[in-house]
Amino acid sequence: MFAKTVTLAFVSSALLASSAFAQTAWVEIEDNVQVPALNATVDQIDDWDVYAGGEKVGEVEEVVGTQAGTATALVVDFEGNGGFADQDVVVPLDQFTWENNQLVLNADATAVGSMEIWND
C-alpha cells in the first residue's frame, strides 16, 4: 500500500510540474485579420518597429493568438537594445500602445525577460 501511495504521489507531482512548463499553443494569425487593439490588419502590423523609452528595440515578427482569427499577442524580434535580450518574445497585445505614429512597448526589459520565447 505504501508503494502505491508513493508512486501515485510521484506521478501526480510529475504531471503538475510538466503542466507548469507547458507553453501556450500559439497560432499565427492570417494577414487579412483585423486587430482592433491596433486598428490595423495583421499584414499592416507585420514588420512594424517597436519602441521603448523612445528607442527602437525591435520589430514585429508575427501576430499570434490562442485561436485562429483572434490576435492576442505580438512576437517581437528584439535587437538587444535598451536592455532587451536579442531574441524573439511573445508579448501580449495589452502591453502596447500606439503613440505619435509608433508602436510603443509598455513593459520593461525585466518583464519581457519573463515572457515566453518564440521558437519558430
PDB file of N, CA and C in Angstrom:
ATOM      1  N   MET A   1       0.822  -1.194   0.000  1.00  0.00           N
ATOM      2  CA  MET A   1       0.000   0.000   0.000  1.00  0.00           C
ATOM      3  C   MET A   1       0.868   1.262   0.000  1.00  0.00           C
ATOM      4  N   PHE A   2       1.929   1.266   0.789  1.00  0.00           N
ATOM      5  CA  PHE A   2       2.831   2.407   0.846  1.00  0.00           C
ATOM      6  C   PHE A   2       3.449   2.674  -0.518  1.00  0.00           C
ATOM      7  N   ALA A   3       3.867   1.622  -1.218  1.00  0.00           N
ATOM      8  CA  ALA A   3       4.486   1.773  -2.540  1.00  0.00           C
ATOM      9  C   ALA A   3       3.503   2.398  -3.531  1.00  0.00           C
ATOM     10  N   LYS A   4       2.238   1.993  -3.475  1.00  0.00           N
ATOM     11  CA  LYS A   4       1.236   2.565  -4.378  1.00  0.00           C
ATOM     12  C   LYS A   4       1.021   4.047  -4.085  1.00  0.00           C
ATOM     13  N   THR A   5       1.002   4.409  -2.807  1.00  0.00           N
ATOM     14  CA  THR A   5       0.804   5.805  -2.414  1.00  0.00           C
ATOM     15  C   THR A   5       1.974   6.665  -2.877  1.00  0.00           C
ATOM     16  N   VAL A   6       3.184   6.162  -2.665  1.00  0.00           N
ATOM     17  CA  VAL A   6       4.373   6.904  -3.086  1.00  0.00           C
ATOM     18  C   VAL A   6       4.389   7.045  -4.600  1.00  0.00           C
ATOM     19  N   THR A   7       4.074   5.981  -5.318  1.00  0.00           N
ATOM     20  CA  THR A   7       4.052   6.025  -6.782  1.00  0.00           C
ATOM     21  C   THR A   7       3.008   7.015  -7.275  1.00  0.00           C
ATOM     22  N   LEU A   8       1.813   6.973  -6.680  1.00  0.00           N
ATOM     23  CA  LEU A   8       0.755   7.889  -7.074  1.00  0.00           C
ATOM     24  C   LEU A   8       1.161   9.343  -6.805  1.00  0.00           C
ATOM     25  N   ALA A   9       1.777   9.592  -5.671  1.00  0.00           N
ATOM     26  CA  ALA A   9       2.230  10.944  -5.336  1.00  0.00           C
ATOM     27  C   ALA A   9       3.300  11.417  -6.319  1.00  0.00           C
ATOM     28  N   PHE A  10       4.207  10.536  -6.697  1.00  0.00           N
ATOM     29  CA  PHE A  10       5.270  10.886  -7.641  1.00  0.00           C
ATOM     30  C   PHE A  10       4.691  11.216  -9.013  1.00  0.00           C
ATOM     31  N   VAL A  11       3.779  10.376  -9.494  1.00  0.00           N
ATOM     32  CA  VAL A  11       3.160  10.598 -10.798  1.00  0.00           C
ATOM     33  C   VAL A  11       2.369  11.902 -10.791  1.00  0.00           C
ATOM     34  N   SER A  12       1.616  12.160  -9.737  1.00  0.00           N
ATOM     35  CA  SER A  12       0.845  13.407  -9.637  1.00  0.00           C
ATOM     36  C   SER A  12       1.764  14.616  -9.658  1.00  0.00           C
ATOM     37  N   SER A  13       2.859  14.552  -8.924  1.00  0.00           N
ATOM     38  CA  SER A  13       3.818  15.663  -8.890  1.00  0.00           C
ATOM     39  C   SER A  13       4.436  15.890 -10.259  1.00  0.00           C
ATOM     40  N   ALA A  14       4.772  14.826 -10.943  1.00  0.00           N
ATOM     41  CA  ALA A  14       5.376  14.941 -12.273  1.00  0.00           C
ATOM     42  C   ALA A  14       4.394  15.580 -13.255  1.00  0.00           C
ATOM     43  N   LEU A  15       3.132  15.197 -13.197  1.00  0.00           N
ATOM     44  CA  LEU A  15       2.133  15.785 -14.087  1.00  0.00           C
ATOM     45  C   LEU A  15       1.931  17.266 -13.802  1.00  0.00           C
ATOM     46  N   LEU A  16       1.873  17.637 -12.548  1.00  0.00           N
ATOM     47  CA  LEU A  16       1.721  19.049 -12.191  1.00  0.00           C
ATOM     48  C   LEU A  16       2.931  19.851 -12.638  1.00  0.00           C
ATOM     49  N   ALA A  17       4.111  19.322 -12.443  1.00  0.00           N
ATOM     50  CA  ALA A  17       5.333  20.028 -12.830  1.00  0.00           C
ATOM     51  C   ALA A  17       5.394  20.206 -14.340  1.00  0.00           C
ATOM     52  N   SER A  18       5.032  19.182 -15.086  1.00  0.00           N
ATOM     53  CA  SER A  18       5.112  19.294 -16.543  1.00  0.00           C
ATOM     54  C   SER A  18       4.107  20.303 -17.075  1.00  0.00           C
ATOM     55  N   SER A  19       2.943  20.432 -16.450  1.00  0.00           N
ATOM     56  CA  SER A  19       1.976  21.414 -16.922  1.00  0.00           C
ATOM     57  C   SER A  19       2.449  22.837 -16.638  1.00  0.00           C
ATOM     58  N   ALA A  20       3.249  23.022 -15.604  1.00  0.00           N
ATOM     59  CA  ALA A  20       3.771  24.347 -15.285  1.00  0.00           C
ATOM     60  C   ALA A  20       4.753  24.820 -16.347  1.00  0.00           C
ATOM     61  N   PHE A  21       5.419  23.892 -17.024  1.00  0.00           N
ATOM     62  CA  PHE A  21       6.401  24.249 -18.034  1.00  0.00           C
ATOM     63  C   PHE A  21       5.823  24.226 -19.445  1.00  0.00           C
ATOM     64  N   ALA A  22       4.548  23.900 -19.579  1.00  0.00           N
ATOM     65  CA  ALA A  22       3.935  23.835 -20.904  1.00  0.00           C
ATOM     66  C   ALA A  22       3.832  25.232 -21.495  1.00  0.00           C
ATOM     67  N   GLN A  23       4.107  25.341 -22.781  1.00  0.00           N
ATOM     68  CA  GLN A  23       3.982  26.614 -23.463  1.00  0.00           C
ATOM     69  C   GLN A  23       2.587  26.743 -24.040  1.00  0.00           C
ATOM     70  N   THR A  24       2.186  27.975 -24.255  1.00  0.00           N
ATOM     71  CA  THR A  24       0.895  28.227 -24.868  1.00  0.00           C
ATOM     72  C   THR A  24       0.928  27.743 -26.309  1.00  0.00           C
ATOM     73  N   ALA A  25      -0.163  27.176 -26.764  1.00  0.00           N
ATOM     74  CA  ALA A  25      -0.261  26.716 -28.151  1.00  0.00           C
ATOM     75  C   ALA A  25      -0.657  27.905 -29.020  1.00  0.00           C
ATOM     76  N   TRP A  26       0.326  28.646 -29.503  1.00  0.00           N
ATOM     77  CA  TRP A  26       0.077  29.825 -30.316  1.00  0.00           C
ATOM     78  C   TRP A  26      -0.161  29.436 -31.763  1.00  0.00           C
ATOM     79  N   VAL A  27      -1.046  30.169 -32.433  1.00  0.00           N
ATOM     80  CA  VAL A  27      -1.253  30.011 -33.872  1.00  0.00           C
ATOM     81  C   VAL A  27      -0.989  31.363 -34.529  1.00  0.00           C
ATOM     82  N   GLU A  28      -0.376  31.316 -35.709  1.00  0.00           N
ATOM     83  CA  GLU A  28      -0.141  32.544 -36.459  1.00  0.00           C
ATOM     84  C   GLU A  28      -1.455  32.988 -37.081  1.00  0.00           C
ATOM     85  N   ILE A  29      -1.720  34.268 -37.001  1.00  0.00           N
ATOM     86  CA  ILE A  29      -2.976  34.835 -37.487  1.00  0.00           C
ATOM     87  C   ILE A  29      -2.810  35.237 -38.961  1.00  0.00           C
ATOM     88  N   GLU A  30      -3.836  34.967 -39.745  1.00  0.00           N
ATOM     89  CA  GLU A  30      -3.821  35.280 -41.184  1.00  0.00           C
ATOM     90  C   GLU A  30      -3.689  36.785 -41.427  1.00  0.00           C
ATOM     91  N   ASP A  31      -3.066  37.145 -42.545  1.00  0.00           N
ATOM     92  CA  ASP A  31      -2.775  38.536 -42.886  1.00  0.00           C
ATOM     93  C   ASP A  31      -3.989  39.452 -42.941  1.00  0.00           C
ATOM     94  N   ASN A  32      -5.153  38.938 -43.343  1.00  0.00           N
ATOM     95  CA  ASN A  32      -6.317  39.797 -43.541  1.00  0.00           C
ATOM     96  C   ASN A  32      -7.137  40.039 -42.267  1.00  0.00           C
ATOM     97  N   VAL A  33      -6.734  39.455 -41.159  1.00  0.00           N
ATOM     98  CA  VAL A  33      -7.485  39.606 -39.906  1.00  0.00           C
ATOM     99  C   VAL A  33      -7.223  40.988 -39.303  1.00  0.00           C
ATOM    100  N   GLN A  34      -8.302  41.637 -38.886  1.00  0.00           N
ATOM    101  CA  GLN A  34      -8.212  42.945 -38.244  1.00  0.00           C
ATOM    102  C   GLN A  34      -7.815  42.776 -36.777  1.00  0.00           C
ATOM    103  N   VAL A  35      -6.910  43.626 -36.297  1.00  0.00           N
ATOM    104  CA  VAL A  35      -6.505  43.642 -34.894  1.00  0.00           C
ATOM    105  C   VAL A  35      -7.050  44.935 -34.296  1.00  0.00           C
ATOM    106  N   PRO A  36      -8.238  44.848 -33.663  1.00  0.00           N
ATOM    107  CA  PRO A  36      -8.896  46.065 -33.165  1.00  0.00           C
ATOM    108  C   PRO A  36      -8.036  46.891 -32.206  1.00  0.00           C
ATOM    109  N   ALA A  37      -7.245  46.249 -31.380  1.00  0.00           N
ATOM    110  CA  ALA A  37      -6.431  46.975 -30.403  1.00  0.00           C
ATOM    111  C   ALA A  37      -5.458  47.944 -31.075  1.00  0.00           C
ATOM    112  N   LEU A  38      -5.064  47.638 -32.310  1.00  0.00           N
ATOM    113  CA  LEU A  38      -4.113  48.492 -33.028  1.00  0.00           C
ATOM    114  C   LEU A  38      -4.729  49.129 -34.271  1.00  0.00           C
ATOM    115  N   ASN A  39      -6.025  48.866 -34.489  1.00  0.00           N
ATOM    116  CA  ASN A  39      -6.750  49.432 -35.623  1.00  0.00           C
ATOM    117  C   ASN A  39      -6.013  49.209 -36.947  1.00  0.00           C
ATOM    118  N   ALA A  40      -5.561  47.968 -37.156  1.00  0.00           N
ATOM    119  CA  ALA A  40      -4.821  47.617 -38.371  1.00  0.00           C
ATOM    120  C   ALA A  40      -4.975  46.122 -38.625  1.00  0.00           C
ATOM    121  N   THR A  41      -4.665  45.707 -39.848  1.00  0.00           N
ATOM    122  CA  THR A  41      -4.683  44.278 -40.157  1.00  0.00           C
ATOM    123  C   THR A  41      -3.336  43.661 -39.792  1.00  0.00           C
ATOM    124  N   VAL A  42      -3.324  42.348 -39.705  1.00  0.00           N
ATOM    125  CA  VAL A  42      -2.085  41.629 -39.408  1.00  0.00           C
ATOM    126  C   VAL A  42      -1.014  41.984 -40.432  1.00  0.00           C
ATOM    127  N   ASP A  43      -1.401  42.031 -41.708  1.00  0.00           N
ATOM    128  CA  ASP A  43      -0.447  42.360 -42.761  1.00  0.00           C
ATOM    129  C   ASP A  43       0.180  43.736 -42.552  1.00  0.00           C
ATOM    130  N   GLN A  44      -0.614  44.703 -42.089  1.00  0.00           N
ATOM    131  CA  GLN A  44      -0.092  46.047 -41.831  1.00  0.00           C
ATOM    132  C   GLN A  44       0.851  46.062 -40.632  1.00  0.00           C
ATOM    133  N   ILE A  45       0.542  45.275 -39.613  1.00  0.00           N
ATOM    134  CA  ILE A  45       1.317  45.266 -38.361  1.00  0.00           C
ATOM    135  C   ILE A  45       2.663  44.575 -38.519  1.00  0.00           C
ATOM    136  N   ASP A  46       2.688  43.533 -39.358  1.00  0.00           N
ATOM    137  CA  ASP A  46       3.915  42.773 -39.566  1.00  0.00           C
ATOM    138  C   ASP A  46       5.056  43.707 -39.975  1.00  0.00           C
ATOM    139  N   ASP A  47       6.175  43.602 -39.289  1.00  0.00           N
ATOM    140  CA  ASP A  47       7.394  44.390 -39.515  1.00  0.00           C
ATOM    141  C   ASP A  47       7.342  45.808 -38.955  1.00  0.00           C
ATOM    142  N   TRP A  48       6.285  46.161 -38.200  1.00  0.00           N
ATOM    143  CA  TRP A  48       6.299  47.468 -37.538  1.00  0.00           C
ATOM    144  C   TRP A  48       7.467  47.515 -36.565  1.00  0.00           C
ATOM    145  N   ASP A  49       8.096  48.661 -36.450  1.00  0.00           N
ATOM    146  CA  ASP A  49       9.133  48.871 -35.451  1.00  0.00           C
ATOM    147  C   ASP A  49       8.485  48.979 -34.077  1.00  0.00           C
ATOM    148  N   VAL A  50       9.187  48.492 -33.064  1.00  0.00           N
ATOM    149  CA  VAL A  50       8.709  48.543 -31.681  1.00  0.00           C
ATOM    150  C   VAL A  50       9.655  49.455 -30.891  1.00  0.00           C
ATOM    151  N   TYR A  51       9.062  50.386 -30.135  1.00  0.00           N
ATOM    152  CA  TYR A  51       9.835  51.360 -29.366  1.00  0.00           C
ATOM    153  C   TYR A  51       9.585  51.201 -27.872  1.00  0.00           C
ATOM    154  N   ALA A  52      10.609  51.487 -27.095  1.00  0.00           N
ATOM    155  CA  ALA A  52      10.501  51.535 -25.635  1.00  0.00           C
ATOM    156  C   ALA A  52      11.450  52.628 -25.157  1.00  0.00           C
ATOM    157  N   GLY A  53      10.962  53.493 -24.310  1.00  0.00           N
ATOM    158  CA  GLY A  53      11.804  54.582 -23.819  1.00  0.00           C
ATOM    159  C   GLY A  53      12.330  55.485 -24.917  1.00  0.00           C
ATOM    160  N   GLY A  54      11.572  55.628 -26.005  1.00  0.00           N
ATOM    161  CA  GLY A  54      11.983  56.487 -27.113  1.00  0.00           C
ATOM    162  C   GLY A  54      12.992  55.858 -28.050  1.00  0.00           C
ATOM    163  N   GLU A  55      13.370  54.612 -27.801  1.00  0.00           N
ATOM    164  CA  GLU A  55      14.380  53.919 -28.600  1.00  0.00           C
ATOM    165  C   GLU A  55      13.769  52.718 -29.321  1.00  0.00           C
ATOM    166  N   LYS A  56      14.179  52.507 -30.564  1.00  0.00           N
ATOM    167  CA  LYS A  56      13.735  51.311 -31.280  1.00  0.00           C
ATOM    168  C   LYS A  56      14.407  50.103 -30.638  1.00  0.00           C
ATOM    169  N   VAL A  57      13.571  49.141 -30.199  1.00  0.00           N
ATOM    170  CA  VAL A  57      14.120  47.949 -29.527  1.00  0.00           C
ATOM    171  C   VAL A  57      13.881  46.665 -30.319  1.00  0.00           C
ATOM    172  N   GLY A  58      13.063  46.752 -31.374  1.00  0.00           N
ATOM    173  CA  GLY A  58      12.813  45.558 -32.174  1.00  0.00           C
ATOM    174  C   GLY A  58      11.757  45.815 -33.221  1.00  0.00           C
ATOM    175  N   GLU A  59      11.242  44.709 -33.786  1.00  0.00           N
ATOM    176  CA  GLU A  59      10.161  44.828 -34.753  1.00  0.00           C
ATOM    177  C   GLU A  59       9.231  43.637 -34.632  1.00  0.00           C
ATOM    178  N   VAL A  60       8.008  43.825 -35.120  1.00  0.00           N
ATOM    179  CA  VAL A  60       7.002  42.771 -35.055  1.00  0.00           C
ATOM    180  C   VAL A  60       7.377  41.679 -36.061  1.00  0.00           C
ATOM    181  N   GLU A  61       7.535  40.482 -35.562  1.00  0.00           N
ATOM    182  CA  GLU A  61       7.884  39.315 -36.381  1.00  0.00           C
ATOM    183  C   GLU A  61       6.633  38.558 -36.824  1.00  0.00           C
ATOM    184  N   GLU A  62       5.681  38.383 -35.895  1.00  0.00           N
ATOM    185  CA  GLU A  62       4.440  37.642 -36.151  1.00  0.00           C
ATOM    186  C   GLU A  62       3.321  38.233 -35.299  1.00  0.00           C
ATOM    187  N   VAL A  63       2.100  38.001 -35.730  1.00  0.00           N
ATOM    188  CA  VAL A  63       0.918  38.285 -34.917  1.00  0.00           C
ATOM    189  C   VAL A  63       0.311  36.925 -34.611  1.00  0.00           C
ATOM    190  N   VAL A  64       0.120  36.630 -33.312  1.00  0.00           N
ATOM    191  CA  VAL A  64      -0.332  35.303 -32.905  1.00  0.00           C
ATOM    192  C   VAL A  64      -1.528  35.396 -31.961  1.00  0.00           C
ATOM    193  N   GLY A  65      -2.182  34.253 -31.789  1.00  0.00           N
ATOM    194  CA  GLY A  65      -3.300  34.152 -30.867  1.00  0.00           C
ATOM    195  C   GLY A  65      -3.437  32.728 -30.392  1.00  0.00           C
ATOM    196  N   THR A  66      -4.328  32.513 -29.464  1.00  0.00           N
ATOM    197  CA  THR A  66      -4.557  31.158 -28.970  1.00  0.00           C
ATOM    198  C   THR A  66      -5.576  30.428 -29.821  1.00  0.00           C
ATOM    199  N   GLN A  67      -6.252  31.149 -30.710  1.00  0.00           N
ATOM    200  CA  GLN A  67      -7.156  30.527 -31.669  1.00  0.00           C
ATOM    201  C   GLN A  67      -7.125  31.339 -32.961  1.00  0.00           C
ATOM    202  N   ALA A  68      -7.311  30.655 -34.070  1.00  0.00           N
ATOM    203  CA  ALA A  68      -7.254  31.312 -35.377  1.00  0.00           C
ATOM    204  C   ALA A  68      -8.289  32.436 -35.448  1.00  0.00           C
ATOM    205  N   GLY A  69      -7.878  33.557 -36.009  1.00  0.00           N
ATOM    206  CA  GLY A  69      -8.800  34.665 -36.203  1.00  0.00           C
ATOM    207  C   GLY A  69      -8.850  35.665 -35.074  1.00  0.00           C
ATOM    208  N   THR A  70      -8.170  35.393 -33.968  1.00  0.00           N
ATOM    209  CA  THR A  70      -8.180  36.315 -32.836  1.00  0.00           C
ATOM    210  C   THR A  70      -6.749  36.577 -32.367  1.00  0.00           C
ATOM    211  N   ALA A  71      -6.250  37.744 -32.672  1.00  0.00           N
ATOM    212  CA  ALA A  71      -4.897  38.115 -32.253  1.00  0.00           C
ATOM    213  C   ALA A  71      -4.892  38.479 -30.776  1.00  0.00           C
ATOM    214  N   THR A  72      -3.947  37.920 -30.031  1.00  0.00           N
ATOM    215  CA  THR A  72      -3.827  38.246 -28.611  1.00  0.00           C
ATOM    216  C   THR A  72      -2.403  38.642 -28.218  1.00  0.00           C
ATOM    217  N   ALA A  73      -1.452  38.481 -29.156  1.00  0.00           N
ATOM    218  CA  ALA A  73      -0.060  38.804 -28.828  1.00  0.00           C
ATOM    219  C   ALA A  73       0.724  39.102 -30.096  1.00  0.00           C
ATOM    220  N   LEU A  74       1.837  39.786 -29.914  1.00  0.00           N
ATOM    221  CA  LEU A  74       2.777  40.039 -30.998  1.00  0.00           C
ATOM    222  C   LEU A  74       4.086  39.336 -30.663  1.00  0.00           C
ATOM    223  N   VAL A  75       4.693  38.735 -31.663  1.00  0.00           N
ATOM    224  CA  VAL A  75       6.039  38.202 -31.496  1.00  0.00           C
ATOM    225  C   VAL A  75       6.977  39.325 -31.904  1.00  0.00           C
ATOM    226  N   VAL A  76       7.780  39.782 -30.949  1.00  0.00           N
ATOM    227  CA  VAL A  76       8.708  40.878 -31.204  1.00  0.00           C
ATOM    228  C   VAL A  76      10.117  40.311 -31.329  1.00  0.00           C
ATOM    229  N   ASP A  77      10.770  40.679 -32.416  1.00  0.00           N
ATOM    230  CA  ASP A  77      12.166  40.322 -32.641  1.00  0.00           C
ATOM    231  C   ASP A  77      13.002  41.437 -32.020  1.00  0.00           C
ATOM    232  N   PHE A  78      13.392  41.213 -30.752  1.00  0.00           N
ATOM    233  CA  PHE A  78      14.197  42.216 -30.054  1.00  0.00           C
ATOM    234  C   PHE A  78      15.622  42.187 -30.596  1.00  0.00           C
ATOM    235  N   GLU A  79      16.228  43.374 -30.681  1.00  0.00           N
ATOM    236  CA  GLU A  79      17.550  43.524 -31.300  1.00  0.00           C
ATOM    237  C   GLU A  79      18.687  43.664 -30.296  1.00  0.00           C
ATOM    238  N   GLY A  80      18.380  43.532 -28.996  1.00  0.00           N
ATOM    239  CA  GLY A  80      19.430  43.662 -27.992  1.00  0.00           C
ATOM    240  C   GLY A  80      19.644  45.099 -27.542  1.00  0.00           C
ATOM    241  N   ASN A  81      18.725  45.999 -27.873  1.00  0.00           N
ATOM    242  CA  ASN A  81      18.828  47.411 -27.475  1.00  0.00           C
ATOM    243  C   ASN A  81      18.011  47.674 -26.218  1.00  0.00           C
ATOM    244  N   GLY A  82      18.358  48.716 -25.500  1.00  0.00           N
ATOM    245  CA  GLY A  82      17.558  49.188 -24.374  1.00  0.00           C
ATOM    246  C   GLY A  82      17.424  48.192 -23.234  1.00  0.00           C
ATOM    247  N   GLY A  83      18.364  47.263 -23.130  1.00  0.00           N
ATOM    248  CA  GLY A  83      18.325  46.275 -22.055  1.00  0.00           C
ATOM    249  C   GLY A  83      17.531  45.028 -22.395  1.00  0.00           C
ATOM    250  N   PHE A  84      16.927  44.984 -23.575  1.00  0.00           N
ATOM    251  CA  PHE A  84      16.160  43.818 -24.001  1.00  0.00           C
ATOM    252  C   PHE A  84      17.091  42.812 -24.662  1.00  0.00           C
ATOM    253  N   ALA A  85      16.942  41.541 -24.311  1.00  0.00           N
ATOM    254  CA  ALA A  85      17.780  40.492 -24.879  1.00  0.00           C
ATOM    255  C   ALA A  85      17.488  40.328 -26.367  1.00  0.00           C
ATOM    256  N   ASP A  86      18.490  39.922 -27.130  1.00  0.00           N
ATOM    257  CA  ASP A  86      18.371  39.692 -28.570  1.00  0.00           C
ATOM    258  C   ASP A  86      17.692  38.348 -28.807  1.00  0.00           C
ATOM    259  N   GLN A  87      16.349  38.375 -28.850  1.00  0.00           N
ATOM    260  CA  GLN A  87      15.569  37.146 -29.034  1.00  0.00           C
ATOM    261  C   GLN A  87      14.155  37.506 -29.452  1.00  0.00           C
ATOM    262  N   ASP A  88      13.418  36.501 -29.926  1.00  0.00           N
ATOM    263  CA  ASP A  88      12.008  36.683 -30.283  1.00  0.00           C
ATOM    264  C   ASP A  88      11.154  36.317 -29.071  1.00  0.00           C
ATOM    265  N   VAL A  89      10.254  37.221 -28.682  1.00  0.00           N
ATOM    266  CA  VAL A  89       9.440  37.035 -27.479  1.00  0.00           C
ATOM    267  C   VAL A  89       7.970  37.283 -27.810  1.00  0.00           C
ATOM    268  N   VAL A  90       7.093  36.464 -27.234  1.00  0.00           N
ATOM    269  CA  VAL A  90       5.644  36.635 -27.376  1.00  0.00           C
ATOM    270  C   VAL A  90       5.195  37.651 -26.319  1.00  0.00           C
ATOM    271  N   VAL A  91       4.700  38.792 -26.788  1.00  0.00           N
ATOM    272  CA  VAL A  91       4.294  39.882 -25.890  1.00  0.00           C
ATOM    273  C   VAL A  91       2.787  40.115 -26.068  1.00  0.00           C
ATOM    274  N   PRO A  92       2.013  40.039 -24.975  1.00  0.00           N
ATOM    275  CA  PRO A  92       0.561  40.269 -25.072  1.00  0.00           C
ATOM    276  C   PRO A  92       0.242  41.648 -25.642  1.00  0.00           C
ATOM    277  N   LEU A  93      -0.839  41.705 -26.407  1.00  0.00           N
ATOM    278  CA  LEU A  93      -1.246  42.971 -27.032  1.00  0.00           C
ATOM    279  C   LEU A  93      -1.470  44.094 -26.029  1.00  0.00           C
ATOM    280  N   ASP A  94      -1.907  43.753 -24.819  1.00  0.00           N
ATOM    281  CA  ASP A  94      -2.193  44.807 -23.840  1.00  0.00           C
ATOM    282  C   ASP A  94      -0.929  45.505 -23.326  1.00  0.00           C
ATOM    283  N   GLN A  95       0.227  45.062 -23.773  1.00  0.00           N
ATOM    284  CA  GLN A  95       1.493  45.690 -23.383  1.00  0.00           C
ATOM    285  C   GLN A  95       1.936  46.772 -24.370  1.00  0.00           C
ATOM    286  N   PHE A  96       1.092  47.034 -25.386  1.00  0.00           N
ATOM    287  CA  PHE A  96       1.440  48.002 -26.432  1.00  0.00           C
ATOM    288  C   PHE A  96       0.424  49.139 -26.501  1.00  0.00           C
ATOM    289  N   THR A  97       0.919  50.303 -26.924  1.00  0.00           N
ATOM    290  CA  THR A  97       0.053  51.422 -27.271  1.00  0.00           C
ATOM    291  C   THR A  97       0.577  52.024 -28.573  1.00  0.00           C
ATOM    292  N   TRP A  98      -0.296  52.734 -29.247  1.00  0.00           N
ATOM    293  CA  TRP A  98       0.086  53.443 -30.463  1.00  0.00           C
ATOM    294  C   TRP A  98       0.191  54.916 -30.097  1.00  0.00           C
ATOM    295  N   GLU A  99       1.413  55.452 -30.114  1.00  0.00           N
ATOM    296  CA  GLU A  99       1.648  56.837 -29.707  1.00  0.00           C
ATOM    297  C   GLU A  99       2.530  57.537 -30.734  1.00  0.00           C
ATOM    298  N   ASN A 100       2.111  58.701 -31.174  1.00  0.00           N
ATOM    299  CA  ASN A 100       2.905  59.504 -32.113  1.00  0.00           C
ATOM    300  C   ASN A 100       3.390  58.684 -33.312  1.00  0.00           C
ATOM    301  N   ASN A 101       2.473  57.897 -33.881  1.00  0.00           N
ATOM    302  CA  ASN A 101       2.771  57.048 -35.040  1.00  0.00           C
ATOM    303  C   ASN A 101       3.865  56.017 -34.764  1.00  0.00           C
ATOM    304  N   GLN A 102       3.924  55.541 -33.530  1.00  0.00           N
ATOM    305  CA  GLN A 102       4.882  54.492 -33.160  1.00  0.00           C
ATOM    306  C   GLN A 102       4.199  53.450 -32.291  1.00  0.00           C
ATOM    307  N   LEU A 103       4.605  52.188 -32.477  1.00  0.00           N
ATOM    308  CA  LEU A 103       4.156  51.101 -31.617  1.00  0.00           C
ATOM    309  C   LEU A 103       5.056  51.101 -30.389  1.00  0.00           C
ATOM    310  N   VAL A 104       4.472  51.429 -29.243  1.00  0.00           N
ATOM    311  CA  VAL A 104       5.246  51.594 -28.017  1.00  0.00           C
ATOM    312  C   VAL A 104       4.987  50.419 -27.081  1.00  0.00           C
ATOM    313  N   LEU A 105       6.064  49.805 -26.636  1.00  0.00           N
ATOM    314  CA  LEU A 105       6.011  48.716 -25.669  1.00  0.00           C
ATOM    315  C   LEU A 105       5.995  49.321 -24.278  1.00  0.00           C
ATOM    316  N   ASN A 106       5.007  48.939 -23.472  1.00  0.00           N
ATOM    317  CA  ASN A 106       4.865  49.490 -22.123  1.00  0.00           C
ATOM    318  C   ASN A 106       5.357  48.534 -21.050  1.00  0.00           C
ATOM    319  N   ALA A 107       6.188  47.572 -21.412  1.00  0.00           N
ATOM    320  CA  ALA A 107       6.782  46.631 -20.456  1.00  0.00           C
ATOM    321  C   ALA A 107       8.290  46.844 -20.465  1.00  0.00           C
ATOM    322  N   ASP A 108       8.903  46.735 -19.295  1.00  0.00           N
ATOM    323  CA  ASP A 108      10.351  46.910 -19.235  1.00  0.00           C
ATOM    324  C   ASP A 108      11.070  45.595 -19.572  1.00  0.00           C
ATOM    325  N   ALA A 109      12.382  45.665 -19.660  1.00  0.00           N
ATOM    326  CA  ALA A 109      13.185  44.503 -20.047  1.00  0.00           C
ATOM    327  C   ALA A 109      13.027  43.340 -19.076  1.00  0.00           C
ATOM    328  N   THR A 110      12.865  43.623 -17.800  1.00  0.00           N
ATOM    329  CA  THR A 110      12.688  42.553 -16.808  1.00  0.00           C
ATOM    330  C   THR A 110      11.379  41.814 -17.052  1.00  0.00           C
ATOM    331  N   ALA A 111      10.307  42.556 -17.294  1.00  0.00           N
ATOM    332  CA  ALA A 111       9.010  41.930 -17.564  1.00  0.00           C
ATOM    333  C   ALA A 111       9.062  41.106 -18.845  1.00  0.00           C
ATOM    334  N   VAL A 112       9.671  41.657 -19.876  1.00  0.00           N
ATOM    335  CA  VAL A 112       9.780  40.938 -21.151  1.00  0.00           C
ATOM    336  C   VAL A 112      10.633  39.681 -20.980  1.00  0.00           C
ATOM    337  N   GLY A 113      11.646  39.755 -20.129  1.00  0.00           N
ATOM    338  CA  GLY A 113      12.509  38.595 -19.881  1.00  0.00           C
ATOM    339  C   GLY A 113      11.776  37.419 -19.288  1.00  0.00           C
ATOM    340  N   SER A 114      10.631  37.659 -18.657  1.00  0.00           N
ATOM    341  CA  SER A 114       9.848  36.567 -18.070  1.00  0.00           C
ATOM    342  C   SER A 114       8.760  36.063 -19.012  1.00  0.00           C
ATOM    343  N   MET A 115       8.660  36.670 -20.195  1.00  0.00           N
ATOM    344  CA  MET A 115       7.646  36.240 -21.167  1.00  0.00           C
ATOM    345  C   MET A 115       8.169  35.093 -22.015  1.00  0.00           C
ATOM    346  N   GLU A 116       7.245  34.441 -22.696  1.00  0.00           N
ATOM    347  CA  GLU A 116       7.568  33.257 -23.495  1.00  0.00           C
ATOM    348  C   GLU A 116       8.429  33.592 -24.706  1.00  0.00           C
ATOM    349  N   ILE A 117       9.470  32.796 -24.915  1.00  0.00           N
ATOM    350  CA  ILE A 117      10.321  32.939 -26.085  1.00  0.00           C
ATOM    351  C   ILE A 117       9.657  32.228 -27.257  1.00  0.00           C
ATOM    352  N   TRP A 118       9.692  32.856 -28.414  1.00  0.00           N
ATOM    353  CA  TRP A 118       9.091  32.296 -29.638  1.00  0.00           C
ATOM    354  C   TRP A 118      10.139  31.481 -30.372  1.00  0.00           C
ATOM    355  N   ASN A 119       9.839  30.227 -30.585  1.00  0.00           N
ATOM    356  CA  ASN A 119      10.696  29.348 -31.359  1.00  0.00           C
ATOM    357  C   ASN A 119       9.937  28.893 -32.578  1.00  0.00           C
ATOM    358  N   ASP A 120      10.246  29.488 -33.733  1.00  0.00           N
ATOM    359  CA  ASP A 120       9.536  29.084 -34.946  1.00  0.00           C
ATOM    360  C   ASP A 120      10.352  28.156 -35.801  1.00  0.00           C
TER     361      ASP A 120
END
